[in-house]
Amino acid sequence: MGFYVNPENETKEEFLEREGLIVTPGFSMQWDDIPQGHLPVILVRNPTFTAAGIAFCKDKFKVMTNSYDKRLRTIYFVPIEKLVEVGGAGFADMVENNILN
């Protein structure tokens, strides 16, 4: 199961630019590099749309940043409290039950 950034009143790109900290392109980021209280969001550019997946665990992060996937990607660190607002009810429940407790 995956969770995605889907704000109601703006684009996902606008949300990420406002709320996220962009990871420097080319930075070889590891799961342990994530600032406390944040999660990485990977903005993937597909041919006809973008998707902003929330990497909520180490395994999801590995899948979403796999070097075999040649699509353009940008990684943002986003405060978890901000992601709860745009990640859907399932994400908010997961955070409440697993990450913050």
PDB file of N, CA and C in Angstrom:
ATOM      1  N   MET A   1       0.843  -1.180   0.000  1.00  0.00           N
ATOM      2  CA  MET A   1       0.000   0.000   0.000  1.00  0.00           C
ATOM      3  C   MET A   1       0.885   1.239   0.000  1.00  0.00           C
ATOM      4  N   GLY A   2       0.459   2.243  -0.728  1.00  0.00           N
ATOM      5  CA  GLY A   2       1.213   3.479  -0.787  1.00  0.00           C
ATOM      6  C   GLY A   2       0.370   4.668  -0.384  1.00  0.00           C
ATOM      7  N   PHE A   3       1.046   5.727  -0.020  1.00  0.00           N
ATOM      8  CA  PHE A   3       0.386   6.981   0.333  1.00  0.00           C
ATOM      9  C   PHE A   3       0.980   8.081  -0.539  1.00  0.00           C
ATOM     10  N   TYR A   4       0.122   8.996  -0.952  1.00  0.00           N
ATOM     11  CA  TYR A   4       0.525  10.041  -1.874  1.00  0.00           C
ATOM     12  C   TYR A   4       0.049  11.399  -1.397  1.00  0.00           C
ATOM     13  N   VAL A   5       0.817  12.432  -1.728  1.00  0.00           N
ATOM     14  CA  VAL A   5       0.452  13.809  -1.430  1.00  0.00           C
ATOM     15  C   VAL A   5      -0.606  14.236  -2.442  1.00  0.00           C
ATOM     16  N   ASN A   6      -1.781  14.582  -1.947  1.00  0.00           N
ATOM     17  CA  ASN A   6      -2.884  15.044  -2.796  1.00  0.00           C
ATOM     18  C   ASN A   6      -3.628  16.189  -2.115  1.00  0.00           C
ATOM     19  N   PRO A   7      -3.042  17.388  -2.138  1.00  0.00           N
ATOM     20  CA  PRO A   7      -3.728  18.529  -1.513  1.00  0.00           C
ATOM     21  C   PRO A   7      -4.974  18.919  -2.302  1.00  0.00           C
ATOM     22  N   GLU A   8      -5.950  19.460  -1.610  1.00  0.00           N
ATOM     23  CA  GLU A   8      -7.221  19.815  -2.239  1.00  0.00           C
ATOM     24  C   GLU A   8      -7.186  21.153  -2.963  1.00  0.00           C
ATOM     25  N   ASN A   9      -6.453  22.132  -2.445  1.00  0.00           N
ATOM     26  CA  ASN A   9      -6.550  23.495  -2.965  1.00  0.00           C
ATOM     27  C   ASN A   9      -5.307  23.992  -3.691  1.00  0.00           C
ATOM     28  N   GLU A  10      -4.398  23.109  -4.012  1.00  0.00           N
ATOM     29  CA  GLU A  10      -3.184  23.481  -4.729  1.00  0.00           C
ATOM     30  C   GLU A  10      -2.590  22.228  -5.354  1.00  0.00           C
ATOM     31  N   THR A  11      -1.590  22.405  -6.190  1.00  0.00           N
ATOM     32  CA  THR A  11      -0.935  21.248  -6.785  1.00  0.00           C
ATOM     33  C   THR A  11       0.017  20.620  -5.776  1.00  0.00           C
ATOM     34  N   LYS A  12       0.357  19.375  -6.018  1.00  0.00           N
ATOM     35  CA  LYS A  12       1.326  18.712  -5.143  1.00  0.00           C
ATOM     36  C   LYS A  12       2.681  19.411  -5.203  1.00  0.00           C
ATOM     37  N   GLU A  13       3.028  19.941  -6.377  1.00  0.00           N
ATOM     38  CA  GLU A  13       4.287  20.665  -6.521  1.00  0.00           C
ATOM     39  C   GLU A  13       4.292  21.941  -5.677  1.00  0.00           C
ATOM     40  N   GLU A  14       3.178  22.668  -5.669  1.00  0.00           N
ATOM     41  CA  GLU A  14       3.082  23.876  -4.849  1.00  0.00           C
ATOM     42  C   GLU A  14       3.209  23.528  -3.364  1.00  0.00           C
ATOM     43  N   PHE A  15       2.528  22.469  -2.953  1.00  0.00           N
ATOM     44  CA  PHE A  15       2.604  22.033  -1.558  1.00  0.00           C
ATOM     45  C   PHE A  15       4.043  21.691  -1.178  1.00  0.00           C
ATOM     46  N   LEU A  16       4.716  20.908  -2.018  1.00  0.00           N
ATOM     47  CA  LEU A  16       6.076  20.482  -1.709  1.00  0.00           C
ATOM     48  C   LEU A  16       7.053  21.659  -1.683  1.00  0.00           C
ATOM     49  N   GLU A  17       6.883  22.599  -2.587  1.00  0.00           N
ATOM     50  CA  GLU A  17       7.756  23.777  -2.597  1.00  0.00           C
ATOM     51  C   GLU A  17       7.568  24.614  -1.328  1.00  0.00           C
ATOM     52  N   ARG A  18       6.335  24.680  -0.831  1.00  0.00           N
ATOM     53  CA  ARG A  18       6.045  25.494   0.355  1.00  0.00           C
ATOM     54  C   ARG A  18       6.426  24.776   1.647  1.00  0.00           C
ATOM     55  N   GLU A  19       6.114  23.498   1.750  1.00  0.00           N
ATOM     56  CA  GLU A  19       6.257  22.779   3.020  1.00  0.00           C
ATOM     57  C   GLU A  19       7.507  21.901   3.115  1.00  0.00           C
ATOM     58  N   GLY A  20       8.101  21.564   1.985  1.00  0.00           N
ATOM     59  CA  GLY A  20       9.219  20.632   1.994  1.00  0.00           C
ATOM     60  C   GLY A  20      10.579  21.299   1.903  1.00  0.00           C
ATOM     61  N   LEU A  21      11.576  20.545   2.269  1.00  0.00           N
ATOM     62  CA  LEU A  21      12.968  20.930   2.091  1.00  0.00           C
ATOM     63  C   LEU A  21      13.517  20.030   0.994  1.00  0.00           C
ATOM     64  N   ILE A  22      13.924  20.615  -0.112  1.00  0.00           N
ATOM     65  CA  ILE A  22      14.392  19.822  -1.232  1.00  0.00           C
ATOM     66  C   ILE A  22      15.752  19.205  -0.898  1.00  0.00           C
ATOM     67  N   VAL A  23      15.917  17.951  -1.249  1.00  0.00           N
ATOM     68  CA  VAL A  23      17.187  17.266  -1.064  1.00  0.00           C
ATOM     69  C   VAL A  23      18.056  17.617  -2.266  1.00  0.00           C
ATOM     70  N   THR A  24      19.261  18.031  -2.007  1.00  0.00           N
ATOM     71  CA  THR A  24      20.170  18.443  -3.070  1.00  0.00           C
ATOM     72  C   THR A  24      20.309  17.335  -4.109  1.00  0.00           C
ATOM     73  N   PRO A  25      20.067  17.646  -5.389  1.00  0.00           N
ATOM     74  CA  PRO A  25      20.231  16.630  -6.437  1.00  0.00           C
ATOM     75  C   PRO A  25      21.635  16.029  -6.394  1.00  0.00           C
ATOM     76  N   GLY A  26      21.696  14.713  -6.545  1.00  0.00           N
ATOM     77  CA  GLY A  26      22.978  14.018  -6.525  1.00  0.00           C
ATOM     78  C   GLY A  26      23.428  13.611  -5.132  1.00  0.00           C
ATOM     79  N   PHE A  27      22.750  14.108  -4.084  1.00  0.00           N
ATOM     80  CA  PHE A  27      23.097  13.737  -2.712  1.00  0.00           C
ATOM     81  C   PHE A  27      22.720  12.275  -2.505  1.00  0.00           C
ATOM     82  N   SER A  28      23.643  11.479  -2.088  1.00  0.00           N
ATOM     83  CA  SER A  28      23.399  10.057  -1.867  1.00  0.00           C
ATOM     84  C   SER A  28      22.749   9.880  -0.499  1.00  0.00           C
ATOM     85  N   MET A  29      21.447  10.033  -0.466  1.00  0.00           N
ATOM     86  CA  MET A  29      20.705  10.032   0.778  1.00  0.00           C
ATOM     87  C   MET A  29      20.407   8.626   1.262  1.00  0.00           C
ATOM     88  N   GLN A  30      20.497   8.440   2.561  1.00  0.00           N
ATOM     89  CA  GLN A  30      20.142   7.187   3.216  1.00  0.00           C
ATOM     90  C   GLN A  30      18.961   7.448   4.158  1.00  0.00           C
ATOM     91  N   TRP A  31      18.265   6.403   4.540  1.00  0.00           N
ATOM     92  CA  TRP A  31      17.117   6.528   5.436  1.00  0.00           C
ATOM     93  C   TRP A  31      17.484   7.272   6.722  1.00  0.00           C
ATOM     94  N   ASP A  32      18.676   7.012   7.247  1.00  0.00           N
ATOM     95  CA  ASP A  32      19.095   7.637   8.504  1.00  0.00           C
ATOM     96  C   ASP A  32      19.383   9.135   8.369  1.00  0.00           C
ATOM     97  N   ASP A  33      19.427   9.656   7.150  1.00  0.00           N
ATOM     98  CA  ASP A  33      19.666  11.085   6.924  1.00  0.00           C
ATOM     99  C   ASP A  33      18.407  11.935   7.083  1.00  0.00           C
ATOM    100  N   ILE A  34      17.263  11.303   7.248  1.00  0.00           N
ATOM    101  CA  ILE A  34      16.000  12.038   7.321  1.00  0.00           C
ATOM    102  C   ILE A  34      15.917  12.780   8.655  1.00  0.00           C
ATOM    103  N   PRO A  35      15.643  14.082   8.606  1.00  0.00           N
ATOM    104  CA  PRO A  35      15.517  14.837   9.860  1.00  0.00           C
ATOM    105  C   PRO A  35      14.349  14.303  10.709  1.00  0.00           C
ATOM    106  N   GLN A  36      14.537  14.309  12.002  1.00  0.00           N
ATOM    107  CA  GLN A  36      13.487  13.842  12.905  1.00  0.00           C
ATOM    108  C   GLN A  36      12.215  14.651  12.689  1.00  0.00           C
ATOM    109  N   GLY A  37      11.078  13.961  12.693  1.00  0.00           N
ATOM    110  CA  GLY A  37       9.794  14.628  12.517  1.00  0.00           C
ATOM    111  C   GLY A  37       9.411  14.847  11.067  1.00  0.00           C
ATOM    112  N   HIS A  38      10.207  14.336  10.139  1.00  0.00           N
ATOM    113  CA  HIS A  38       9.971  14.479   8.704  1.00  0.00           C
ATOM    114  C   HIS A  38       9.906  13.104   8.037  1.00  0.00           C
ATOM    115  N   LEU A  39       9.348  13.071   6.853  1.00  0.00           N
ATOM    116  CA  LEU A  39       9.417  11.900   5.983  1.00  0.00           C
ATOM    117  C   LEU A  39       9.801  12.373   4.590  1.00  0.00           C
ATOM    118  N   PRO A  40      10.469  11.510   3.829  1.00  0.00           N
ATOM    119  CA  PRO A  40      10.763  11.890   2.455  1.00  0.00           C
ATOM    120  C   PRO A  40       9.543  11.701   1.565  1.00  0.00           C
ATOM    121  N   VAL A  41       9.345  12.652   0.676  1.00  0.00           N
ATOM    122  CA  VAL A  41       8.324  12.543  -0.362  1.00  0.00           C
ATOM    123  C   VAL A  41       9.077  12.580  -1.682  1.00  0.00           C
ATOM    124  N   ILE A  42       8.804  11.588  -2.528  1.00  0.00           N
ATOM    125  CA  ILE A  42       9.486  11.490  -3.804  1.00  0.00           C
ATOM    126  C   ILE A  42       8.512  11.908  -4.891  1.00  0.00           C
ATOM    127  N   LEU A  43       8.824  13.033  -5.540  1.00  0.00           N
ATOM    128  CA  LEU A  43       8.023  13.531  -6.654  1.00  0.00           C
ATOM    129  C   LEU A  43       8.571  12.880  -7.922  1.00  0.00           C
ATOM    130  N   VAL A  44       7.746  12.066  -8.565  1.00  0.00           N
ATOM    131  CA  VAL A  44       8.141  11.328  -9.769  1.00  0.00           C
ATOM    132  C   VAL A  44       7.448  11.949 -10.965  1.00  0.00           C
ATOM    133  N   ARG A  45       8.226  12.222 -11.983  1.00  0.00           N
ATOM    134  CA  ARG A  45       7.674  12.785 -13.220  1.00  0.00           C
ATOM    135  C   ARG A  45       7.445  11.665 -14.226  1.00  0.00           C
ATOM    136  N   ASN A  46       6.187  11.348 -14.441  1.00  0.00           N
ATOM    137  CA  ASN A  46       5.773  10.380 -15.456  1.00  0.00           C
ATOM    138  C   ASN A  46       5.512  11.145 -16.747  1.00  0.00           C
ATOM    139  N   PRO A  47       5.361  10.454 -17.865  1.00  0.00           N
ATOM    140  CA  PRO A  47       5.129  11.170 -19.125  1.00  0.00           C
ATOM    141  C   PRO A  47       3.910  12.091 -19.123  1.00  0.00           C
ATOM    142  N   THR A  48       2.829  11.700 -18.444  1.00  0.00           N
ATOM    143  CA  THR A  48       1.608  12.509 -18.514  1.00  0.00           C
ATOM    144  C   THR A  48       1.131  13.063 -17.168  1.00  0.00           C
ATOM    145  N   PHE A  49       1.821  12.741 -16.084  1.00  0.00           N
ATOM    146  CA  PHE A  49       1.411  13.235 -14.764  1.00  0.00           C
ATOM    147  C   PHE A  49       2.584  13.113 -13.798  1.00  0.00           C
ATOM    148  N   THR A  50       2.440  13.751 -12.641  1.00  0.00           N
ATOM    149  CA  THR A  50       3.411  13.582 -11.563  1.00  0.00           C
ATOM    150  C   THR A  50       2.736  12.851 -10.411  1.00  0.00           C
ATOM    151  N   ALA A  51       3.533  12.180  -9.624  1.00  0.00           N
ATOM    152  CA  ALA A  51       3.056  11.514  -8.413  1.00  0.00           C
ATOM    153  C   ALA A  51       4.014  11.876  -7.288  1.00  0.00           C
ATOM    154  N   ALA A  52       3.481  12.119  -6.108  1.00  0.00           N
ATOM    155  CA  ALA A  52       4.291  12.473  -4.948  1.00  0.00           C
ATOM    156  C   ALA A  52       4.068  11.425  -3.867  1.00  0.00           C
ATOM    157  N   GLY A  53       4.884  10.391  -3.887  1.00  0.00           N
ATOM    158  CA  GLY A  53       4.746   9.281  -2.952  1.00  0.00           C
ATOM    159  C   GLY A  53       5.436   9.565  -1.636  1.00  0.00           C
ATOM    160  N   ILE A  54       4.773   9.201  -0.559  1.00  0.00           N
ATOM    161  CA  ILE A  54       5.322   9.371   0.783  1.00  0.00           C
ATOM    162  C   ILE A  54       6.073   8.092   1.150  1.00  0.00           C
ATOM    163  N   ALA A  55       7.366   8.211   1.380  1.00  0.00           N
ATOM    164  CA  ALA A  55       8.172   7.061   1.798  1.00  0.00           C
ATOM    165  C   ALA A  55       8.077   6.959   3.318  1.00  0.00           C
ATOM    166  N   PHE A  56       7.115   6.180   3.789  1.00  0.00           N
ATOM    167  CA  PHE A  56       6.815   6.135   5.221  1.00  0.00           C
ATOM    168  C   PHE A  56       7.628   5.090   5.974  1.00  0.00           C
ATOM    169  N   CYS A  57       8.444   4.311   5.274  1.00  0.00           N
ATOM    170  CA  CYS A  57       9.322   3.338   5.921  1.00  0.00           C
ATOM    171  C   CYS A  57      10.548   3.121   5.033  1.00  0.00           C
ATOM    172  N   LYS A  58      11.546   2.475   5.600  1.00  0.00           N
ATOM    173  CA  LYS A  58      12.794   2.252   4.886  1.00  0.00           C
ATOM    174  C   LYS A  58      12.586   1.454   3.603  1.00  0.00           C
ATOM    175  N   ASP A  59      11.746   0.429   3.647  1.00  0.00           N
ATOM    176  CA  ASP A  59      11.494  -0.389   2.453  1.00  0.00           C
ATOM    177  C   ASP A  59      10.837   0.425   1.343  1.00  0.00           C
ATOM    178  N   LYS A  60       9.848   1.253   1.682  1.00  0.00           N
ATOM    179  CA  LYS A  60       9.196   2.102   0.665  1.00  0.00           C
ATOM    180  C   LYS A  60      10.204   3.084   0.079  1.00  0.00           C
ATOM    181  N   PHE A  61      11.078   3.606   0.930  1.00  0.00           N
ATOM    182  CA  PHE A  61      12.088   4.537   0.452  1.00  0.00           C
ATOM    183  C   PHE A  61      12.997   3.862  -0.575  1.00  0.00           C
ATOM    184  N   LYS A  62      13.429   2.639  -0.284  1.00  0.00           N
ATOM    185  CA  LYS A  62      14.293   1.905  -1.227  1.00  0.00           C
ATOM    186  C   LYS A  62      13.600   1.694  -2.568  1.00  0.00           C
ATOM    187  N   VAL A  63      12.345   1.299  -2.530  1.00  0.00           N
ATOM    188  CA  VAL A  63      11.591   1.061  -3.765  1.00  0.00           C
ATOM    189  C   VAL A  63      11.438   2.356  -4.555  1.00  0.00           C
ATOM    190  N   MET A  64      11.114   3.432  -3.867  1.00  0.00           N
ATOM    191  CA  MET A  64      10.818   4.696  -4.542  1.00  0.00           C
ATOM    192  C   MET A  64      12.065   5.407  -5.061  1.00  0.00           C
ATOM    193  N   THR A  65      13.234   5.005  -4.596  1.00  0.00           N
ATOM    194  CA  THR A  65      14.476   5.641  -5.042  1.00  0.00           C
ATOM    195  C   THR A  65      15.378   4.663  -5.783  1.00  0.00           C
ATOM    196  N   ASN A  66      14.831   3.562  -6.227  1.00  0.00           N
ATOM    197  CA  ASN A  66      15.599   2.534  -6.933  1.00  0.00           C
ATOM    198  C   ASN A  66      16.271   3.133  -8.165  1.00  0.00           C
ATOM    199  N   SER A  67      17.556   2.922  -8.296  1.00  0.00           N
ATOM    200  CA  SER A  67      18.314   3.515  -9.409  1.00  0.00           C
ATOM    201  C   SER A  67      17.962   2.904 -10.759  1.00  0.00           C
ATOM    202  N   TYR A  68      17.298   1.766 -10.772  1.00  0.00           N
ATOM    203  CA  TYR A  68      16.877   1.155 -12.042  1.00  0.00           C
ATOM    204  C   TYR A  68      15.698   1.905 -12.672  1.00  0.00           C
ATOM    205  N   ASP A  69      14.979   2.636 -11.851  1.00  0.00           N
ATOM    206  CA  ASP A  69      13.858   3.449 -12.330  1.00  0.00           C
ATOM    207  C   ASP A  69      14.443   4.758 -12.852  1.00  0.00           C
ATOM    208  N   LYS A  70      14.364   4.981 -14.141  1.00  0.00           N
ATOM    209  CA  LYS A  70      15.021   6.126 -14.773  1.00  0.00           C
ATOM    210  C   LYS A  70      14.156   7.388 -14.853  1.00  0.00           C
ATOM    211  N   ARG A  71      12.934   7.354 -14.285  1.00  0.00           N
ATOM    212  CA  ARG A  71      12.107   8.562 -14.293  1.00  0.00           C
ATOM    213  C   ARG A  71      12.763   9.648 -13.448  1.00  0.00           C
ATOM    214  N   LEU A  72      12.544  10.891 -13.845  1.00  0.00           N
ATOM    215  CA  LEU A  72      13.069  12.014 -13.066  1.00  0.00           C
ATOM    216  C   LEU A  72      12.360  12.078 -11.723  1.00  0.00           C
ATOM    217  N   ARG A  73      13.148  12.266 -10.667  1.00  0.00           N
ATOM    218  CA  ARG A  73      12.597  12.314  -9.316  1.00  0.00           C
ATOM    219  C   ARG A  73      13.240  13.445  -8.529  1.00  0.00           C
ATOM    220  N   THR A  74      12.444  14.013  -7.641  1.00  0.00           N
ATOM    221  CA  THR A  74      12.939  15.007  -6.698  1.00  0.00           C
ATOM    222  C   THR A  74      12.488  14.558  -5.316  1.00  0.00           C
ATOM    223  N   ILE A  75      13.411  14.607  -4.361  1.00  0.00           N
ATOM    224  CA  ILE A  75      13.094  14.194  -2.993  1.00  0.00           C
ATOM    225  C   ILE A  75      12.972  15.442  -2.117  1.00  0.00           C
ATOM    226  N   TYR A  76      11.927  15.447  -1.313  1.00  0.00           N
ATOM    227  CA  TYR A  76      11.691  16.516  -0.343  1.00  0.00           C
ATOM    228  C   TYR A  76      11.565  15.900   1.039  1.00  0.00           C
ATOM    229  N   PHE A  77      12.100  16.568   2.050  1.00  0.00           N
ATOM    230  CA  PHE A  77      11.806  16.239   3.438  1.00  0.00           C
ATOM    231  C   PHE A  77      10.623  17.104   3.845  1.00  0.00           C
ATOM    232  N   VAL A  78       9.549  16.462   4.311  1.00  0.00           N
ATOM    233  CA  VAL A  78       8.335  17.197   4.675  1.00  0.00           C
ATOM    234  C   VAL A  78       7.959  16.835   6.111  1.00  0.00           C
ATOM    235  N   PRO A  79       7.611  17.825   6.931  1.00  0.00           N
ATOM    236  CA  PRO A  79       7.177  17.525   8.293  1.00  0.00           C
ATOM    237  C   PRO A  79       5.969  16.574   8.276  1.00  0.00           C
ATOM    238  N   ILE A  80       6.026  15.584   9.132  1.00  0.00           N
ATOM    239  CA  ILE A  80       4.950  14.590   9.198  1.00  0.00           C
ATOM    240  C   ILE A  80       3.605  15.271   9.457  1.00  0.00           C
ATOM    241  N   GLU A  81       3.583  16.270  10.333  1.00  0.00           N
ATOM    242  CA  GLU A  81       2.317  16.951  10.655  1.00  0.00           C
ATOM    243  C   GLU A  81       1.689  17.586   9.418  1.00  0.00           C
ATOM    244  N   LYS A  82       2.498  18.029   8.463  1.00  0.00           N
ATOM    245  CA  LYS A  82       1.981  18.609   7.215  1.00  0.00           C
ATOM    246  C   LYS A  82       1.493  17.510   6.272  1.00  0.00           C
ATOM    247  N   LEU A  83       2.162  16.358   6.289  1.00  0.00           N
ATOM    248  CA  LEU A  83       1.742  15.249   5.432  1.00  0.00           C
ATOM    249  C   LEU A  83       0.407  14.663   5.873  1.00  0.00           C
ATOM    250  N   VAL A  84       0.143  14.701   7.168  1.00  0.00           N
ATOM    251  CA  VAL A  84      -1.140  14.195   7.677  1.00  0.00           C
ATOM    252  C   VAL A  84      -2.291  14.954   7.019  1.00  0.00           C
ATOM    253  N   GLU A  85      -2.089  16.238   6.737  1.00  0.00           N
ATOM    254  CA  GLU A  85      -3.136  17.071   6.134  1.00  0.00           C
ATOM    255  C   GLU A  85      -3.436  16.697   4.685  1.00  0.00           C
ATOM    256  N   VAL A  86      -2.477  16.088   3.976  1.00  0.00           N
ATOM    257  CA  VAL A  86      -2.642  15.858   2.532  1.00  0.00           C
ATOM    258  C   VAL A  86      -2.450  14.398   2.114  1.00  0.00           C
ATOM    259  N   GLY A  87      -2.171  13.515   3.066  1.00  0.00           N
ATOM    260  CA  GLY A  87      -1.876  12.124   2.731  1.00  0.00           C
ATOM    261  C   GLY A  87      -3.067  11.189   2.782  1.00  0.00           C
ATOM    262  N   GLY A  88      -4.241  11.702   3.113  1.00  0.00           N
ATOM    263  CA  GLY A  88      -5.443  10.875   3.177  1.00  0.00           C
ATOM    264  C   GLY A  88      -5.674  10.283   4.556  1.00  0.00           C
ATOM    265  N   ALA A  89      -6.891   9.796   4.774  1.00  0.00           N
ATOM    266  CA  ALA A  89      -7.285   9.264   6.085  1.00  0.00           C
ATOM    267  C   ALA A  89      -6.443   8.053   6.475  1.00  0.00           C
ATOM    268  N   GLY A  90      -6.124   7.202   5.519  1.00  0.00           N
ATOM    269  CA  GLY A  90      -5.309   6.021   5.813  1.00  0.00           C
ATOM    270  C   GLY A  90      -3.925   6.390   6.304  1.00  0.00           C
ATOM    271  N   PHE A  91      -3.349   7.425   5.708  1.00  0.00           N
ATOM    272  CA  PHE A  91      -2.027   7.868   6.144  1.00  0.00           C
ATOM    273  C   PHE A  91      -2.116   8.454   7.547  1.00  0.00           C
ATOM    274  N   ALA A  92      -3.116   9.290   7.801  1.00  0.00           N
ATOM    275  CA  ALA A  92      -3.283   9.888   9.131  1.00  0.00           C
ATOM    276  C   ALA A  92      -3.440   8.798  10.190  1.00  0.00           C
ATOM    277  N   ASP A  93      -4.216   7.753   9.890  1.00  0.00           N
ATOM    278  CA  ASP A  93      -4.385   6.635  10.830  1.00  0.00           C
ATOM    279  C   ASP A  93      -3.062   5.914  11.071  1.00  0.00           C
ATOM    280  N   MET A  94      -2.304   5.682   9.997  1.00  0.00           N
ATOM    281  CA  MET A  94      -1.031   4.990  10.115  1.00  0.00           C
ATOM    282  C   MET A  94      -0.075   5.793  10.976  1.00  0.00           C
ATOM    283  N   VAL A  95      -0.027   7.096  10.787  1.00  0.00           N
ATOM    284  CA  VAL A  95       0.851   7.951  11.584  1.00  0.00           C
ATOM    285  C   VAL A  95       0.443   7.886  13.046  1.00  0.00           C
ATOM    286  N   GLU A  96      -0.844   8.022  13.299  1.00  0.00           N
ATOM    287  CA  GLU A  96      -1.334   8.011  14.678  1.00  0.00           C
ATOM    288  C   GLU A  96      -1.010   6.681  15.371  1.00  0.00           C
ATOM    289  N   ASN A  97      -1.127   5.595  14.647  1.00  0.00           N
ATOM    290  CA  ASN A  97      -0.968   4.284  15.252  1.00  0.00           C
ATOM    291  C   ASN A  97       0.459   3.748  15.244  1.00  0.00           C
ATOM    292  N   ASN A  98       1.315   4.243  14.371  1.00  0.00           N
ATOM    293  CA  ASN A  98       2.642   3.639  14.246  1.00  0.00           C
ATOM    294  C   ASN A  98       3.811   4.583  14.424  1.00  0.00           C
ATOM    295  N   ILE A  99       3.761   5.742  13.835  1.00  0.00           N
ATOM    296  CA  ILE A  99       4.934   6.608  13.847  1.00  0.00           C
ATOM    297  C   ILE A  99       5.019   7.436  15.115  1.00  0.00           C
ATOM    298  N   LEU A 100       3.916   8.033  15.523  1.00  0.00           N
ATOM    299  CA  LEU A 100       3.972   8.956  16.653  1.00  0.00           C
ATOM    300  C   LEU A 100       3.851   8.277  18.010  1.00  0.00           C
ATOM    301  N   ASN A 101       3.459   7.020  18.022  1.00  0.00           N
ATOM    302  CA  ASN A 101       3.314   6.320  19.313  1.00  0.00           C
ATOM    303  C   ASN A 101       4.527   5.480  19.607  1.00  0.00           C
TER     304      ASN A 101
END
